């Protein structure tokens, strides 16, 4: 469901930034797209990307559902068990950052072109 908007979106980003700070993970770029989030991070491979994702999903689900009651009534869970992880190697970091930055803009352009 498209619930990552407005105050929910803002709070989600705060939660993920706080977790990243605690875990010494650098967030290079982050943007939501109403029903999912793109995050470009620099993380210690010994810590593990999946561990960060599990912690981010768990903490954000608990806090957001506690703080925004409508999320409890609209959704059985905030996140699915799936995720997409890719390393940045064959593409420049700037291209990946630009892709993430443009998530909301490109969605708005696609939506308006079909109106």
N, C-alpha and C. Protein backbone atom coordinates (compact mmCIF):
# COMPACT_ATOMS: atom_id res chain seq x y z
N UNK A 1 0.84 -1.18 0.00
CA UNK A 1 0.00 0.00 0.00
C UNK A 1 0.88 1.24 0.00
N UNK A 2 0.36 2.28 -0.55
CA UNK A 2 1.13 3.50 -0.71
C UNK A 2 0.98 4.39 0.52
N UNK A 3 1.68 4.03 1.60
CA UNK A 3 1.54 4.74 2.87
C UNK A 3 2.80 5.54 3.25
N UNK A 4 3.87 5.43 2.47
CA UNK A 4 5.11 6.12 2.81
C UNK A 4 5.09 7.53 2.23
N UNK A 5 4.17 8.34 2.75
CA UNK A 5 4.00 9.72 2.29
C UNK A 5 3.86 10.63 3.51
N UNK A 6 4.07 11.91 3.29
CA UNK A 6 3.86 12.91 4.34
C UNK A 6 4.67 12.65 5.60
N UNK A 7 4.00 12.71 6.75
CA UNK A 7 4.68 12.53 8.03
C UNK A 7 5.24 11.13 8.21
N UNK A 8 4.59 10.13 7.63
CA UNK A 8 5.10 8.75 7.72
C UNK A 8 6.44 8.65 7.00
N UNK A 9 6.51 9.22 5.81
CA UNK A 9 7.77 9.22 5.04
C UNK A 9 8.87 9.93 5.82
N UNK A 10 8.56 11.10 6.34
CA UNK A 10 9.54 11.88 7.09
C UNK A 10 10.05 11.10 8.30
N UNK A 11 9.14 10.51 9.05
CA UNK A 11 9.53 9.75 10.25
C UNK A 11 10.32 8.50 9.90
N UNK A 12 9.94 7.82 8.81
CA UNK A 12 10.69 6.65 8.37
C UNK A 12 12.15 7.01 8.10
N UNK A 13 12.37 8.10 7.41
CA UNK A 13 13.74 8.53 7.11
C UNK A 13 14.50 8.86 8.39
N UNK A 14 13.84 9.49 9.36
CA UNK A 14 14.48 9.78 10.64
C UNK A 14 14.89 8.50 11.34
N UNK A 15 14.01 7.52 11.37
CA UNK A 15 14.29 6.25 12.04
C UNK A 15 15.48 5.55 11.39
N UNK A 16 15.50 5.51 10.08
CA UNK A 16 16.59 4.84 9.39
C UNK A 16 17.91 5.59 9.58
N UNK A 17 17.85 6.92 9.55
CA UNK A 17 19.06 7.71 9.80
C UNK A 17 19.59 7.48 11.22
N UNK A 18 18.70 7.41 12.21
CA UNK A 18 19.11 7.15 13.60
C UNK A 18 19.77 5.78 13.73
N UNK A 19 19.18 4.77 13.10
CA UNK A 19 19.74 3.43 13.15
C UNK A 19 21.11 3.39 12.48
N UNK A 20 21.22 4.02 11.34
CA UNK A 20 22.50 4.05 10.62
C UNK A 20 23.58 4.70 11.48
N UNK A 21 23.24 5.77 12.15
CA UNK A 21 24.19 6.45 13.03
C UNK A 21 24.64 5.52 14.15
N UNK A 22 23.69 4.83 14.77
CA UNK A 22 24.01 3.88 15.85
C UNK A 22 24.94 2.77 15.38
N UNK A 23 24.74 2.30 14.15
CA UNK A 23 25.47 1.14 13.64
C UNK A 23 26.68 1.50 12.80
N UNK A 24 26.99 2.80 12.71
CA UNK A 24 28.12 3.27 11.92
C UNK A 24 27.98 2.90 10.44
N UNK A 25 26.77 3.06 9.93
CA UNK A 25 26.46 2.82 8.53
C UNK A 25 26.26 4.18 7.88
N UNK A 26 26.93 4.40 6.76
CA UNK A 26 26.78 5.68 6.06
C UNK A 26 25.66 5.59 5.02
N UNK A 27 24.67 6.44 5.18
CA UNK A 27 23.61 6.53 4.16
C UNK A 27 24.06 7.58 3.14
N UNK A 28 24.27 7.11 1.94
CA UNK A 28 24.73 7.99 0.85
C UNK A 28 23.53 8.67 0.20
N UNK A 29 22.47 7.90 0.02
CA UNK A 29 21.25 8.44 -0.59
C UNK A 29 20.07 7.60 -0.11
N UNK A 30 18.91 8.27 0.05
CA UNK A 30 17.70 7.57 0.48
C UNK A 30 16.49 8.32 -0.05
N UNK A 31 15.55 7.57 -0.61
CA UNK A 31 14.30 8.17 -1.08
C UNK A 31 13.20 7.13 -1.06
N UNK A 32 12.01 7.57 -0.70
CA UNK A 32 10.85 6.68 -0.70
C UNK A 32 10.11 6.80 -2.02
N UNK A 33 9.29 5.80 -2.29
CA UNK A 33 8.45 5.81 -3.48
C UNK A 33 7.06 5.30 -3.12
N UNK A 34 6.46 5.90 -2.11
CA UNK A 34 5.10 5.65 -1.62
C UNK A 34 4.89 4.26 -1.01
N UNK A 35 5.41 3.20 -1.65
CA UNK A 35 5.22 1.87 -1.09
C UNK A 35 6.52 1.09 -0.91
N UNK A 36 7.65 1.75 -1.12
CA UNK A 36 8.95 1.14 -0.85
C UNK A 36 9.99 2.24 -0.71
N UNK A 37 11.20 1.83 -0.33
CA UNK A 37 12.26 2.79 -0.11
C UNK A 37 13.54 2.31 -0.78
N UNK A 38 14.29 3.25 -1.33
CA UNK A 38 15.59 2.97 -1.92
C UNK A 38 16.63 3.58 -0.99
N UNK A 39 17.64 2.79 -0.64
CA UNK A 39 18.71 3.29 0.23
C UNK A 39 20.04 2.86 -0.35
N UNK A 40 20.92 3.82 -0.55
CA UNK A 40 22.29 3.54 -0.97
C UNK A 40 23.16 3.74 0.26
N UNK A 41 23.82 2.65 0.71
CA UNK A 41 24.60 2.71 1.94
C UNK A 41 26.02 2.24 1.72
N UNK A 42 26.88 2.71 2.60
CA UNK A 42 28.25 2.20 2.71
C UNK A 42 28.28 1.47 4.05
N UNK A 43 28.48 0.16 4.00
CA UNK A 43 28.37 -0.66 5.20
C UNK A 43 29.53 -1.64 5.27
N UNK A 44 29.96 -1.92 6.47
CA UNK A 44 31.01 -2.90 6.69
C UNK A 44 30.48 -4.28 6.29
N UNK A 45 31.11 -4.95 5.34
CA UNK A 45 30.61 -6.25 4.91
C UNK A 45 30.58 -7.28 6.04
N UNK A 46 31.43 -7.10 7.05
CA UNK A 46 31.41 -8.01 8.20
C UNK A 46 30.12 -7.85 9.00
N UNK A 47 29.55 -6.65 9.00
CA UNK A 47 28.28 -6.42 9.69
C UNK A 47 27.15 -7.06 8.91
N UNK A 48 27.12 -6.79 7.63
CA UNK A 48 26.13 -7.42 6.76
C UNK A 48 24.97 -6.51 6.38
N UNK A 49 24.71 -6.46 5.10
CA UNK A 49 23.61 -5.66 4.56
C UNK A 49 22.27 -6.19 5.05
N UNK A 50 22.10 -7.51 5.01
CA UNK A 50 20.82 -8.10 5.42
C UNK A 50 20.52 -7.80 6.88
N UNK A 51 21.54 -7.78 7.72
CA UNK A 51 21.33 -7.47 9.14
C UNK A 51 20.80 -6.05 9.28
N UNK A 52 21.39 -5.12 8.53
CA UNK A 52 20.92 -3.73 8.57
C UNK A 52 19.47 -3.64 8.10
N UNK A 53 19.14 -4.33 7.02
CA UNK A 53 17.78 -4.30 6.48
C UNK A 53 16.78 -4.85 7.50
N UNK A 54 17.12 -6.00 8.10
CA UNK A 54 16.22 -6.58 9.11
C UNK A 54 16.00 -5.63 10.28
N UNK A 55 17.08 -5.01 10.76
CA UNK A 55 16.95 -4.07 11.87
C UNK A 55 16.15 -2.85 11.47
N UNK A 56 16.38 -2.33 10.28
CA UNK A 56 15.64 -1.15 9.81
C UNK A 56 14.16 -1.45 9.64
N UNK A 57 13.84 -2.59 9.06
CA UNK A 57 12.44 -2.96 8.89
C UNK A 57 11.77 -3.18 10.24
N UNK A 58 12.45 -3.89 11.13
CA UNK A 58 11.86 -4.18 12.44
C UNK A 58 11.61 -2.93 13.25
N UNK A 59 12.62 -2.08 13.36
CA UNK A 59 12.47 -0.86 14.16
C UNK A 59 11.45 0.09 13.55
N UNK A 60 11.54 0.30 12.24
CA UNK A 60 10.62 1.25 11.60
C UNK A 60 9.18 0.74 11.66
N UNK A 61 8.98 -0.56 11.51
CA UNK A 61 7.62 -1.10 11.58
C UNK A 61 7.04 -0.87 12.97
N UNK A 62 7.79 -1.18 13.99
CA UNK A 62 7.31 -1.01 15.37
C UNK A 62 6.98 0.45 15.65
N UNK A 63 7.94 1.33 15.39
CA UNK A 63 7.76 2.74 15.72
C UNK A 63 6.67 3.41 14.87
N UNK A 64 6.68 3.16 13.59
CA UNK A 64 5.69 3.81 12.72
C UNK A 64 4.27 3.33 13.04
N UNK A 65 4.10 2.04 13.29
CA UNK A 65 2.77 1.52 13.60
C UNK A 65 2.29 1.99 14.98
N UNK A 66 3.24 2.24 15.91
CA UNK A 66 2.88 2.81 17.21
C UNK A 66 2.50 4.29 17.09
N UNK A 67 3.22 5.01 16.24
CA UNK A 67 3.03 6.45 16.12
C UNK A 67 1.91 6.85 15.15
N UNK A 68 1.63 6.01 14.17
CA UNK A 68 0.61 6.31 13.16
C UNK A 68 -0.42 5.17 13.16
N UNK A 69 -1.48 5.38 13.93
CA UNK A 69 -2.48 4.33 14.15
C UNK A 69 -3.07 3.79 12.84
N UNK A 70 -3.22 4.65 11.84
CA UNK A 70 -3.84 4.19 10.59
C UNK A 70 -3.03 3.09 9.91
N UNK A 71 -1.72 2.98 10.23
CA UNK A 71 -0.91 1.92 9.64
C UNK A 71 -1.28 0.55 10.21
N UNK A 72 -1.76 0.53 11.44
CA UNK A 72 -2.20 -0.73 12.05
C UNK A 72 -3.51 -1.21 11.44
N UNK A 73 -4.37 -0.27 11.10
CA UNK A 73 -5.68 -0.65 10.59
C UNK A 73 -5.66 -0.93 9.08
N UNK A 74 -4.73 -0.30 8.36
CA UNK A 74 -4.66 -0.48 6.91
C UNK A 74 -3.89 -1.73 6.50
N UNK A 75 -2.89 -2.09 7.29
CA UNK A 75 -1.95 -3.14 6.88
C UNK A 75 -1.77 -4.20 7.95
N UNK A 76 -1.70 -5.46 7.55
CA UNK A 76 -1.39 -6.50 8.53
C UNK A 76 0.07 -6.39 9.00
N UNK A 77 0.96 -5.98 8.09
CA UNK A 77 2.36 -5.71 8.43
C UNK A 77 2.80 -4.51 7.59
N UNK A 78 3.83 -3.83 8.05
CA UNK A 78 4.31 -2.67 7.28
C UNK A 78 5.19 -3.11 6.12
N UNK A 79 6.05 -4.08 6.35
CA UNK A 79 7.01 -4.52 5.33
C UNK A 79 6.76 -5.97 4.93
N UNK A 80 7.14 -6.30 3.72
CA UNK A 80 7.14 -7.71 3.30
C UNK A 80 8.46 -8.33 3.75
N UNK A 81 8.58 -9.63 3.59
CA UNK A 81 9.83 -10.30 3.93
C UNK A 81 10.88 -10.16 2.84
N UNK A 82 10.52 -9.64 1.71
CA UNK A 82 11.45 -9.56 0.59
C UNK A 82 12.22 -8.24 0.58
N UNK A 83 13.33 -8.26 -0.13
CA UNK A 83 14.13 -7.06 -0.35
C UNK A 83 14.99 -7.28 -1.58
N UNK A 84 15.45 -6.21 -2.16
CA UNK A 84 16.37 -6.29 -3.29
C UNK A 84 17.68 -5.66 -2.87
N UNK A 85 18.75 -6.40 -3.02
CA UNK A 85 20.08 -5.91 -2.64
C UNK A 85 20.98 -6.05 -3.86
N UNK A 86 21.71 -4.98 -4.12
CA UNK A 86 22.67 -5.01 -5.22
C UNK A 86 23.89 -4.22 -4.81
N UNK A 87 25.03 -4.63 -5.30
CA UNK A 87 26.25 -3.88 -5.04
C UNK A 87 26.47 -2.89 -6.17
N UNK A 88 27.18 -1.84 -5.86
CA UNK A 88 27.52 -0.83 -6.86
C UNK A 88 28.95 -1.11 -7.29
N UNK A 89 29.11 -1.52 -8.51
CA UNK A 89 30.45 -1.83 -9.00
C UNK A 89 30.56 -1.53 -10.48
N UNK A 90 29.59 -1.99 -11.24
CA UNK A 90 29.62 -1.79 -12.68
C UNK A 90 29.10 -0.44 -13.11
N UNK A 91 28.54 0.31 -12.17
CA UNK A 91 27.95 1.62 -12.44
C UNK A 91 28.58 2.63 -11.50
N UNK A 92 28.68 3.86 -11.95
CA UNK A 92 29.26 4.88 -11.08
C UNK A 92 28.30 5.20 -9.93
N UNK A 93 28.87 5.57 -8.82
CA UNK A 93 28.10 5.92 -7.63
C UNK A 93 27.16 7.08 -7.93
N UNK A 94 27.58 8.03 -8.73
CA UNK A 94 26.75 9.18 -9.07
C UNK A 94 25.49 8.78 -9.82
N UNK A 95 25.58 7.81 -10.70
CA UNK A 95 24.41 7.36 -11.45
C UNK A 95 23.41 6.71 -10.51
N UNK A 96 23.89 5.90 -9.57
CA UNK A 96 22.99 5.26 -8.61
C UNK A 96 22.35 6.31 -7.72
N UNK A 97 23.12 7.29 -7.24
CA UNK A 97 22.56 8.36 -6.41
C UNK A 97 21.49 9.11 -7.18
N UNK A 98 21.74 9.43 -8.43
CA UNK A 98 20.78 10.17 -9.24
C UNK A 98 19.49 9.35 -9.43
N UNK A 99 19.62 8.05 -9.65
CA UNK A 99 18.45 7.19 -9.79
C UNK A 99 17.59 7.25 -8.53
N UNK A 100 18.22 7.14 -7.37
CA UNK A 100 17.48 7.16 -6.11
C UNK A 100 16.86 8.53 -5.87
N UNK A 101 17.61 9.60 -6.12
CA UNK A 101 17.09 10.95 -5.93
C UNK A 101 15.84 11.20 -6.77
N UNK A 102 15.79 10.59 -7.94
CA UNK A 102 14.71 10.85 -8.89
C UNK A 102 13.51 9.93 -8.73
N UNK A 103 13.44 9.11 -7.69
CA UNK A 103 12.35 8.16 -7.54
C UNK A 103 10.99 8.83 -7.49
N UNK A 104 10.81 9.80 -6.63
CA UNK A 104 9.50 10.45 -6.53
C UNK A 104 9.21 11.28 -7.77
N UNK A 105 10.21 11.96 -8.30
CA UNK A 105 10.02 12.79 -9.49
C UNK A 105 9.60 11.94 -10.68
N UNK A 106 10.28 10.82 -10.89
CA UNK A 106 9.94 9.99 -12.05
C UNK A 106 8.56 9.37 -11.90
N UNK A 107 8.17 8.98 -10.69
CA UNK A 107 6.82 8.44 -10.45
C UNK A 107 5.77 9.50 -10.75
N UNK A 108 6.01 10.75 -10.32
CA UNK A 108 5.07 11.83 -10.59
C UNK A 108 4.95 12.10 -12.08
N UNK A 109 6.07 12.04 -12.81
CA UNK A 109 6.04 12.28 -14.23
C UNK A 109 5.29 11.18 -14.95
N UNK A 110 5.49 9.94 -14.54
CA UNK A 110 4.79 8.81 -15.16
C UNK A 110 3.29 8.94 -14.88
N UNK A 111 2.92 9.24 -13.64
CA UNK A 111 1.51 9.37 -13.28
C UNK A 111 0.84 10.49 -14.07
N UNK A 112 1.51 11.63 -14.18
CA UNK A 112 0.87 12.76 -14.87
C UNK A 112 0.79 12.52 -16.37
N UNK A 113 1.67 11.70 -16.93
CA UNK A 113 1.59 11.46 -18.35
C UNK A 113 0.43 10.53 -18.72
N UNK A 114 -0.13 9.81 -17.74
CA UNK A 114 -1.26 8.95 -17.99
C UNK A 114 -2.59 9.56 -17.59
N UNK A 115 -2.57 10.80 -17.08
CA UNK A 115 -3.80 11.44 -16.64
C UNK A 115 -4.57 11.99 -17.81
